[in-house]
């Protein structure tokens, strides 16, 4: 998969470009998401000015009914929509477990990462000890909303 991404990346390199500029193309996908400042106490409002762009964009839809227009389970459609709006890679599949193709695997949760379980995907907004607060599409009554999870039992991927 890394090779396919590198080949796709190199297709967009201008002819005659300096190859040294692109030597780190493979390693840039493996970089962890930057650390961000989060709210100090549980239940405190999140400071959207200091969160990753993907979290801020997803938070704009909190409380809205299915902004994707997709009929059926739409958690992955929501993640695709947010990733596309923030300039990240989008995998066309609408199965939650296929989110692995949209990022580099992380050892644990990080704000801005995709949280993937067998049948659901969400965007990590903040991490509070061993708990994860995420923004999920199709989250109860067909709305975008906040979800609280244990940090374990899921895979995490940094958007590329």
N, C-alpha and C. Protein backbone atom coordinates (compact mmCIF):
# COMPACT_ATOMS: atom_id res chain seq x y z
N UNK A 1 0.82 -1.19 0.00
CA UNK A 1 0.00 0.00 0.00
C UNK A 1 0.87 1.26 0.00
N UNK A 2 1.97 1.24 0.77
CA UNK A 2 2.85 2.40 0.79
C UNK A 2 3.38 2.70 -0.60
N UNK A 3 3.68 1.64 -1.32
CA UNK A 3 4.22 1.81 -2.67
C UNK A 3 3.17 2.44 -3.58
N UNK A 4 1.91 1.98 -3.46
CA UNK A 4 0.84 2.54 -4.28
C UNK A 4 0.66 4.02 -3.98
N UNK A 5 0.72 4.40 -2.69
CA UNK A 5 0.59 5.80 -2.32
C UNK A 5 1.74 6.63 -2.87
N UNK A 6 2.94 6.07 -2.82
CA UNK A 6 4.11 6.77 -3.32
C UNK A 6 4.00 6.97 -4.83
N UNK A 7 3.55 5.93 -5.54
CA UNK A 7 3.39 6.04 -6.99
C UNK A 7 2.34 7.10 -7.31
N UNK A 8 1.22 7.08 -6.60
CA UNK A 8 0.18 8.08 -6.82
C UNK A 8 0.70 9.49 -6.53
N UNK A 9 1.50 9.63 -5.47
CA UNK A 9 2.07 10.92 -5.11
C UNK A 9 3.01 11.41 -6.21
N UNK A 10 3.84 10.50 -6.73
CA UNK A 10 4.83 10.87 -7.73
C UNK A 10 4.19 11.26 -9.06
N UNK A 11 2.97 10.81 -9.31
CA UNK A 11 2.28 11.17 -10.54
C UNK A 11 2.01 12.67 -10.59
N UNK A 12 1.93 13.32 -9.43
CA UNK A 12 1.62 14.74 -9.37
C UNK A 12 2.85 15.62 -9.23
N UNK A 13 4.04 15.02 -9.23
CA UNK A 13 5.28 15.78 -9.13
C UNK A 13 5.57 16.40 -10.49
N UNK A 14 5.79 17.68 -10.57
CA UNK A 14 6.07 18.32 -11.85
C UNK A 14 7.32 17.76 -12.50
N UNK A 15 7.30 17.67 -13.82
CA UNK A 15 8.46 17.16 -14.56
C UNK A 15 9.66 18.07 -14.28
N UNK A 16 10.80 17.48 -14.06
CA UNK A 16 12.02 18.22 -13.81
C UNK A 16 12.15 18.75 -12.39
N UNK A 17 11.23 18.37 -11.52
CA UNK A 17 11.30 18.84 -10.13
C UNK A 17 12.47 18.19 -9.43
N UNK A 18 12.99 18.86 -8.44
CA UNK A 18 14.12 18.36 -7.68
C UNK A 18 13.67 17.13 -6.88
N UNK A 19 14.28 15.98 -7.12
CA UNK A 19 13.88 14.73 -6.47
C UNK A 19 14.13 14.78 -4.97
N UNK A 20 15.10 15.60 -4.52
CA UNK A 20 15.39 15.66 -3.09
C UNK A 20 14.22 16.25 -2.31
N UNK A 21 13.39 17.06 -2.94
CA UNK A 21 12.22 17.61 -2.28
C UNK A 21 11.26 16.51 -1.88
N UNK A 22 11.26 15.41 -2.62
CA UNK A 22 10.27 14.37 -2.43
C UNK A 22 10.84 13.10 -1.81
N UNK A 23 12.09 13.18 -1.30
CA UNK A 23 12.72 12.02 -0.68
C UNK A 23 11.95 11.53 0.54
N UNK A 24 11.29 12.41 1.22
CA UNK A 24 10.59 12.03 2.44
C UNK A 24 9.12 11.74 2.21
N UNK A 25 8.73 11.51 0.96
CA UNK A 25 7.32 11.26 0.66
C UNK A 25 6.78 10.07 1.43
N UNK A 26 7.56 9.00 1.52
CA UNK A 26 7.08 7.83 2.26
C UNK A 26 6.96 8.12 3.75
N UNK A 27 7.94 8.78 4.32
CA UNK A 27 7.94 8.99 5.77
C UNK A 27 6.90 10.01 6.22
N UNK A 28 6.45 10.91 5.34
CA UNK A 28 5.50 11.91 5.79
C UNK A 28 4.15 11.30 6.14
N UNK A 29 3.84 10.12 5.62
CA UNK A 29 2.57 9.47 5.95
C UNK A 29 2.62 8.79 7.31
N UNK A 30 3.79 8.61 7.87
CA UNK A 30 3.93 7.91 9.12
C UNK A 30 4.06 8.84 10.32
N UNK A 31 3.99 10.13 10.07
CA UNK A 31 4.13 11.10 11.15
C UNK A 31 2.88 11.11 12.01
N UNK A 32 3.02 11.14 13.33
CA UNK A 32 1.83 11.23 14.20
C UNK A 32 1.18 12.59 14.07
N UNK A 33 -0.10 12.64 14.36
CA UNK A 33 -0.81 13.91 14.33
C UNK A 33 -0.21 14.84 15.39
N UNK A 34 -0.18 16.14 15.13
CA UNK A 34 0.39 17.07 16.11
C UNK A 34 -0.40 17.10 17.40
N UNK A 35 0.29 17.30 18.50
CA UNK A 35 -0.38 17.40 19.80
C UNK A 35 -1.13 18.72 19.86
N UNK A 36 -2.29 18.69 20.46
CA UNK A 36 -3.07 19.91 20.58
C UNK A 36 -3.51 20.10 22.01
N UNK A 37 -3.81 21.33 22.35
CA UNK A 37 -4.32 21.67 23.67
C UNK A 37 -5.80 21.31 23.72
N UNK A 38 -6.24 20.65 24.78
CA UNK A 38 -7.66 20.31 24.91
C UNK A 38 -8.21 20.95 26.16
N UNK A 39 -9.51 20.86 26.32
CA UNK A 39 -10.16 21.43 27.49
C UNK A 39 -9.59 20.80 28.75
N UNK A 40 -9.45 21.57 29.78
CA UNK A 40 -8.79 21.12 31.00
C UNK A 40 -9.63 20.17 31.83
N UNK A 41 -10.93 20.33 31.86
CA UNK A 41 -11.74 19.47 32.70
C UNK A 41 -12.86 18.82 31.89
N UNK A 42 -13.34 17.71 32.38
CA UNK A 42 -14.39 16.98 31.70
C UNK A 42 -15.64 17.84 31.62
N UNK A 43 -16.26 17.88 30.45
CA UNK A 43 -17.46 18.67 30.27
C UNK A 43 -17.21 20.12 29.89
N UNK A 44 -15.95 20.57 29.95
CA UNK A 44 -15.65 21.94 29.57
C UNK A 44 -15.74 22.06 28.04
N UNK A 45 -16.16 23.21 27.54
CA UNK A 45 -16.25 23.37 26.09
C UNK A 45 -14.88 23.24 25.44
N UNK A 46 -14.88 22.69 24.24
CA UNK A 46 -13.63 22.50 23.52
C UNK A 46 -13.26 23.80 22.81
N UNK A 47 -12.01 24.17 22.89
CA UNK A 47 -11.52 25.36 22.21
C UNK A 47 -11.22 24.99 20.76
N UNK A 48 -12.14 25.31 19.85
CA UNK A 48 -11.98 24.91 18.46
C UNK A 48 -10.84 25.63 17.76
N UNK A 49 -10.32 26.69 18.34
CA UNK A 49 -9.20 27.39 17.72
C UNK A 49 -7.92 26.59 17.79
N UNK A 50 -7.82 25.64 18.74
CA UNK A 50 -6.58 24.91 18.92
C UNK A 50 -6.69 23.44 18.50
N UNK A 51 -7.82 23.03 17.95
CA UNK A 51 -7.99 21.64 17.55
C UNK A 51 -7.57 21.46 16.10
N UNK A 52 -7.29 20.21 15.70
CA UNK A 52 -6.99 19.98 14.29
C UNK A 52 -8.17 20.42 13.42
N UNK A 53 -7.88 20.82 12.21
CA UNK A 53 -8.90 21.33 11.29
C UNK A 53 -10.02 20.31 11.07
N UNK A 54 -9.69 19.04 11.01
CA UNK A 54 -10.69 18.01 10.76
C UNK A 54 -11.71 17.95 11.91
N UNK A 55 -11.26 18.17 13.14
CA UNK A 55 -12.16 18.16 14.30
C UNK A 55 -13.05 19.40 14.26
N UNK A 56 -12.49 20.54 13.97
CA UNK A 56 -13.26 21.77 13.90
C UNK A 56 -14.34 21.69 12.83
N UNK A 57 -13.99 21.11 11.68
CA UNK A 57 -14.98 20.97 10.60
C UNK A 57 -16.09 20.01 11.00
N UNK A 58 -15.74 18.88 11.62
CA UNK A 58 -16.75 17.91 12.06
C UNK A 58 -17.67 18.51 13.12
N UNK A 59 -17.11 19.32 14.02
CA UNK A 59 -17.89 19.91 15.10
C UNK A 59 -18.95 20.88 14.58
N UNK A 60 -18.74 21.43 13.41
CA UNK A 60 -19.74 22.33 12.82
C UNK A 60 -21.08 21.63 12.58
N UNK A 61 -21.06 20.30 12.46
CA UNK A 61 -22.26 19.55 12.12
C UNK A 61 -22.94 18.91 13.34
N UNK A 62 -22.42 19.15 14.55
CA UNK A 62 -23.02 18.56 15.75
C UNK A 62 -24.51 18.91 15.80
N UNK A 63 -25.34 17.90 15.99
CA UNK A 63 -26.79 18.09 16.09
C UNK A 63 -27.54 18.06 14.77
N UNK A 64 -26.83 18.12 13.64
CA UNK A 64 -27.53 18.12 12.36
C UNK A 64 -27.92 16.71 11.93
N UNK A 65 -28.97 16.62 11.16
CA UNK A 65 -29.44 15.34 10.63
C UNK A 65 -28.71 15.03 9.33
N UNK A 66 -28.07 13.90 9.26
CA UNK A 66 -27.42 13.35 8.08
C UNK A 66 -27.03 14.39 7.01
N UNK A 67 -25.97 15.12 7.21
CA UNK A 67 -25.56 16.12 6.22
C UNK A 67 -25.02 15.49 4.93
N UNK A 68 -24.81 14.17 4.93
CA UNK A 68 -24.26 13.49 3.74
C UNK A 68 -25.33 13.18 2.70
N UNK A 69 -26.58 13.01 3.14
CA UNK A 69 -27.64 12.63 2.22
C UNK A 69 -27.64 11.14 1.90
N UNK A 70 -26.70 10.38 2.43
CA UNK A 70 -26.62 8.94 2.16
C UNK A 70 -27.71 8.22 2.93
N UNK A 71 -28.39 7.30 2.26
CA UNK A 71 -29.43 6.49 2.92
C UNK A 71 -28.81 5.18 3.35
N UNK A 72 -28.93 4.87 4.61
CA UNK A 72 -28.30 3.68 5.18
C UNK A 72 -27.33 4.11 6.26
N UNK A 73 -26.56 3.18 6.81
CA UNK A 73 -25.56 3.57 7.82
C UNK A 73 -24.57 4.57 7.23
N UNK A 74 -24.52 5.77 7.80
CA UNK A 74 -23.74 6.83 7.16
C UNK A 74 -22.56 7.36 7.98
N UNK A 75 -22.09 6.60 8.95
CA UNK A 75 -20.94 7.09 9.73
C UNK A 75 -19.71 7.27 8.83
N UNK A 76 -19.45 6.32 7.93
CA UNK A 76 -18.28 6.43 7.04
C UNK A 76 -18.51 7.52 6.00
N UNK A 77 -19.75 7.69 5.54
CA UNK A 77 -20.04 8.77 4.59
C UNK A 77 -19.74 10.13 5.23
N UNK A 78 -20.04 10.26 6.53
CA UNK A 78 -19.74 11.50 7.25
C UNK A 78 -18.23 11.72 7.34
N UNK A 79 -17.49 10.67 7.69
CA UNK A 79 -16.03 10.79 7.76
C UNK A 79 -15.46 11.15 6.39
N UNK A 80 -15.96 10.53 5.33
CA UNK A 80 -15.51 10.86 3.97
C UNK A 80 -15.78 12.32 3.65
N UNK A 81 -16.97 12.81 3.99
CA UNK A 81 -17.34 14.19 3.71
C UNK A 81 -16.39 15.16 4.42
N UNK A 82 -16.13 14.90 5.71
CA UNK A 82 -15.25 15.79 6.48
C UNK A 82 -13.81 15.72 5.96
N UNK A 83 -13.34 14.50 5.66
CA UNK A 83 -11.98 14.35 5.13
C UNK A 83 -11.83 15.10 3.80
N UNK A 84 -12.82 14.99 2.94
CA UNK A 84 -12.78 15.67 1.64
C UNK A 84 -12.74 17.19 1.84
N UNK A 85 -13.57 17.71 2.75
CA UNK A 85 -13.63 19.16 2.99
C UNK A 85 -12.35 19.71 3.58
N UNK A 86 -11.59 18.87 4.29
CA UNK A 86 -10.36 19.35 4.93
C UNK A 86 -9.11 18.97 4.14
N UNK A 87 -9.30 18.42 2.95
CA UNK A 87 -8.17 18.14 2.07
C UNK A 87 -7.45 16.83 2.35
N UNK A 88 -8.07 15.91 3.07
CA UNK A 88 -7.45 14.62 3.35
C UNK A 88 -7.88 13.59 2.32
N UNK A 89 -7.12 12.50 2.26
CA UNK A 89 -7.43 11.40 1.34
C UNK A 89 -8.76 10.77 1.73
N UNK A 90 -9.58 10.42 0.72
CA UNK A 90 -10.88 9.80 0.94
C UNK A 90 -10.91 8.46 0.23
N UNK A 91 -11.31 7.41 0.94
CA UNK A 91 -11.50 6.08 0.36
C UNK A 91 -12.97 5.98 0.00
N UNK A 92 -13.28 5.58 -1.23
CA UNK A 92 -14.65 5.60 -1.74
C UNK A 92 -15.61 4.65 -1.01
N UNK A 93 -15.09 3.62 -0.38
CA UNK A 93 -15.95 2.66 0.30
C UNK A 93 -16.72 3.32 1.43
N UNK A 94 -17.92 2.83 1.67
CA UNK A 94 -18.72 3.35 2.78
C UNK A 94 -18.77 2.37 3.94
N UNK A 95 -17.89 1.38 3.94
CA UNK A 95 -17.80 0.46 5.08
C UNK A 95 -16.83 1.04 6.09
N UNK A 96 -17.24 1.05 7.34
CA UNK A 96 -16.42 1.65 8.41
C UNK A 96 -15.04 1.02 8.47
N UNK A 97 -14.96 -0.29 8.33
CA UNK A 97 -13.66 -0.96 8.48
C UNK A 97 -12.68 -0.61 7.36
N UNK A 98 -13.15 -0.03 6.26
CA UNK A 98 -12.24 0.36 5.18
C UNK A 98 -11.56 1.70 5.42
N UNK A 99 -11.80 2.29 6.57
CA UNK A 99 -11.15 3.57 6.90
C UNK A 99 -9.64 3.39 7.04
N UNK A 100 -9.19 2.16 7.28
CA UNK A 100 -7.74 1.92 7.41
C UNK A 100 -6.99 2.43 6.19
N UNK A 101 -7.63 2.47 5.04
CA UNK A 101 -6.97 2.92 3.81
C UNK A 101 -6.84 4.44 3.75
N UNK A 102 -7.44 5.14 4.70
CA UNK A 102 -7.42 6.60 4.69
C UNK A 102 -6.35 7.20 5.60
N UNK A 103 -5.51 6.36 6.20
CA UNK A 103 -4.52 6.94 7.09
C UNK A 103 -3.48 5.95 7.55
N UNK A 104 -2.54 6.48 8.30
CA UNK A 104 -1.46 5.68 8.88
C UNK A 104 -1.88 5.22 10.27
N UNK A 105 -1.66 3.97 10.58
CA UNK A 105 -2.07 3.39 11.87
C UNK A 105 -1.31 4.07 13.01
N UNK A 106 -2.03 4.36 14.08
CA UNK A 106 -1.46 4.98 15.28
C UNK A 106 -1.48 3.97 16.42
N UNK A 107 -0.62 4.16 17.39
CA UNK A 107 -0.57 3.28 18.56
C UNK A 107 -1.74 3.55 19.50
N UNK A 108 -2.27 4.75 19.49
CA UNK A 108 -3.36 5.10 20.39
C UNK A 108 -4.12 6.31 19.88
N UNK A 109 -5.13 6.74 20.60
CA UNK A 109 -5.94 7.86 20.14
C UNK A 109 -5.20 9.19 20.18
N UNK A 110 -5.49 10.00 19.19
CA UNK A 110 -4.93 11.35 19.07
C UNK A 110 -6.02 12.24 18.50
N UNK A 111 -6.18 13.47 18.99
CA UNK A 111 -7.19 14.36 18.39
C UNK A 111 -6.99 14.49 16.88
N UNK A 112 -8.09 14.32 16.16
CA UNK A 112 -8.05 14.39 14.70
C UNK A 112 -7.94 13.04 14.03
N UNK A 113 -7.68 11.99 14.80
CA UNK A 113 -7.54 10.65 14.22
C UNK A 113 -8.91 10.02 13.98
N UNK A 114 -8.94 9.04 13.10
CA UNK A 114 -10.15 8.26 12.89
C UNK A 114 -10.16 7.12 13.89
N UNK A 115 -11.28 6.91 14.57
CA UNK A 115 -11.45 5.80 15.51
C UNK A 115 -12.32 4.77 14.80
N UNK A 116 -11.77 3.56 14.59
CA UNK A 116 -12.45 2.54 13.80
C UNK A 116 -12.70 1.30 14.64
N UNK A 117 -13.96 0.87 14.68
CA UNK A 117 -14.32 -0.41 15.27
C UNK A 117 -14.89 -1.26 14.14
N UNK A 118 -15.34 -2.42 14.46
CA UNK A 118 -15.83 -3.33 13.42
C UNK A 118 -16.95 -2.71 12.58
N UNK A 119 -17.86 -1.98 13.18
CA UNK A 119 -18.99 -1.46 12.42
C UNK A 119 -19.22 0.03 12.52
N UNK A 120 -18.26 0.78 13.05
CA UNK A 120 -18.48 2.23 13.22
C UNK A 120 -17.16 2.98 13.12
N UNK A 121 -17.22 4.19 12.63
CA UNK A 121 -16.05 5.05 12.54
C UNK A 121 -16.44 6.44 13.03
N UNK A 122 -15.51 7.08 13.73
CA UNK A 122 -15.74 8.44 14.23
C UNK A 122 -14.42 9.20 14.21
N UNK A 123 -14.49 10.48 14.51
CA UNK A 123 -13.31 11.34 14.52
C UNK A 123 -13.01 11.72 15.96
N UNK A 124 -11.80 11.43 16.42
CA UNK A 124 -11.42 11.72 17.81
C UNK A 124 -11.31 13.23 17.99
N UNK A 125 -12.07 13.75 18.95
CA UNK A 125 -12.03 15.18 19.25
C UNK A 125 -11.04 15.47 20.37
N UNK A 126 -11.07 14.64 21.42
CA UNK A 126 -10.11 14.81 22.52
C UNK A 126 -9.95 13.49 23.25
N UNK A 127 -8.85 13.42 23.96
CA UNK A 127 -8.52 12.23 24.74
C UNK A 127 -8.40 12.67 26.19
N UNK A 128 -9.11 11.97 27.08
CA UNK A 128 -9.10 12.29 28.51
C UNK A 128 -8.72 11.02 29.26
N UNK A 129 -7.44 10.85 29.50
CA UNK A 129 -6.97 9.64 30.16
C UNK A 129 -7.21 8.42 29.29
N UNK A 130 -8.01 7.49 29.80
CA UNK A 130 -8.33 6.28 29.04
C UNK A 130 -9.68 6.39 28.34
N UNK A 131 -10.20 7.59 28.21
CA UNK A 131 -11.48 7.83 27.54
C UNK A 131 -11.25 8.68 26.30
N UNK A 132 -12.09 8.44 25.30
CA UNK A 132 -12.02 9.18 24.04
C UNK A 132 -13.36 9.87 23.81
N UNK A 133 -13.32 11.14 23.48
CA UNK A 133 -14.52 11.87 23.07
C UNK A 133 -14.39 12.04 21.56
N UNK A 134 -15.40 11.55 20.84
CA UNK A 134 -15.35 11.57 19.39
C UNK A 134 -16.60 12.20 18.81
N UNK A 135 -16.49 12.61 17.55
CA UNK A 135 -17.63 13.13 16.81
C UNK A 135 -18.02 12.06 15.81
N UNK A 136 -19.28 11.65 15.87
CA UNK A 136 -19.74 10.53 15.04
C UNK A 136 -20.94 10.93 14.20
N UNK A 137 -20.95 10.44 12.97
CA UNK A 137 -22.14 10.53 12.14
C UNK A 137 -23.01 9.33 12.47
N UNK A 138 -24.32 9.46 12.24
CA UNK A 138 -25.27 8.38 12.51
C UNK A 138 -25.21 7.96 13.98
N UNK A 139 -25.19 8.97 14.83
CA UNK A 139 -25.01 8.75 16.26
C UNK A 139 -26.31 8.99 17.00
N UNK A 140 -27.14 7.98 17.09
CA UNK A 140 -28.38 8.11 17.83
C UNK A 140 -29.36 9.06 17.18
N UNK A 141 -30.51 8.57 16.82
CA UNK A 141 -31.56 9.34 16.17
C UNK A 141 -31.11 9.98 14.86
N UNK A 142 -30.13 9.35 14.21
CA UNK A 142 -29.70 9.81 12.89
C UNK A 142 -29.08 11.18 12.84
N UNK A 143 -28.36 11.53 13.86
CA UNK A 143 -27.74 12.85 13.93
C UNK A 143 -26.22 12.73 14.11
N UNK A 144 -25.54 13.83 13.85
CA UNK A 144 -24.12 13.93 14.17
C UNK A 144 -24.05 14.31 15.64
N UNK A 145 -23.20 13.63 16.40
CA UNK A 145 -23.14 13.94 17.82
C UNK A 145 -21.84 13.52 18.48
N UNK A 146 -21.75 13.84 19.75
CA UNK A 146 -20.60 13.46 20.57
C UNK A 146 -20.77 12.02 21.02
N UNK A 147 -19.67 11.30 21.07
CA UNK A 147 -19.67 9.93 21.59
C UNK A 147 -18.53 9.82 22.58
N UNK A 148 -18.74 9.04 23.62
CA UNK A 148 -17.72 8.81 24.64
C UNK A 148 -17.40 7.32 24.64
N UNK A 149 -16.11 7.00 24.49
CA UNK A 149 -15.68 5.62 24.40
C UNK A 149 -14.49 5.36 25.31
N UNK A 150 -14.26 4.10 25.59
CA UNK A 150 -13.00 3.68 26.19
C UNK A 150 -11.95 3.75 25.08
N UNK A 151 -10.73 4.09 25.43
CA UNK A 151 -9.68 4.20 24.40
C UNK A 151 -9.34 2.85 23.77
N UNK A 152 -9.55 1.77 24.49
CA UNK A 152 -9.24 0.44 23.95
C UNK A 152 -10.35 -0.07 23.06
N UNK A 153 -10.09 -1.18 22.41
CA UNK A 153 -11.11 -1.83 21.59
C UNK A 153 -11.34 -1.19 20.24
N UNK A 154 -10.43 -0.36 19.80
CA UNK A 154 -10.57 0.30 18.50
C UNK A 154 -9.20 0.50 17.88
N UNK A 155 -9.18 0.72 16.58
CA UNK A 155 -7.97 1.06 15.88
C UNK A 155 -8.02 2.55 15.55
N UNK A 156 -6.87 3.20 15.53
CA UNK A 156 -6.80 4.64 15.28
C UNK A 156 -5.89 4.89 14.08
N UNK A 157 -6.33 5.80 13.22
CA UNK A 157 -5.58 6.12 12.00
C UNK A 157 -5.47 7.63 11.84
N UNK A 158 -4.26 8.10 11.55
CA UNK A 158 -4.03 9.53 11.29
C UNK A 158 -4.40 9.81 9.85
N UNK A 159 -5.23 10.80 9.58
CA UNK A 159 -5.62 11.11 8.20
C UNK A 159 -4.41 11.50 7.36
N UNK A 160 -4.44 11.10 6.09
CA UNK A 160 -3.35 11.50 5.17
C UNK A 160 -3.92 12.36 4.08
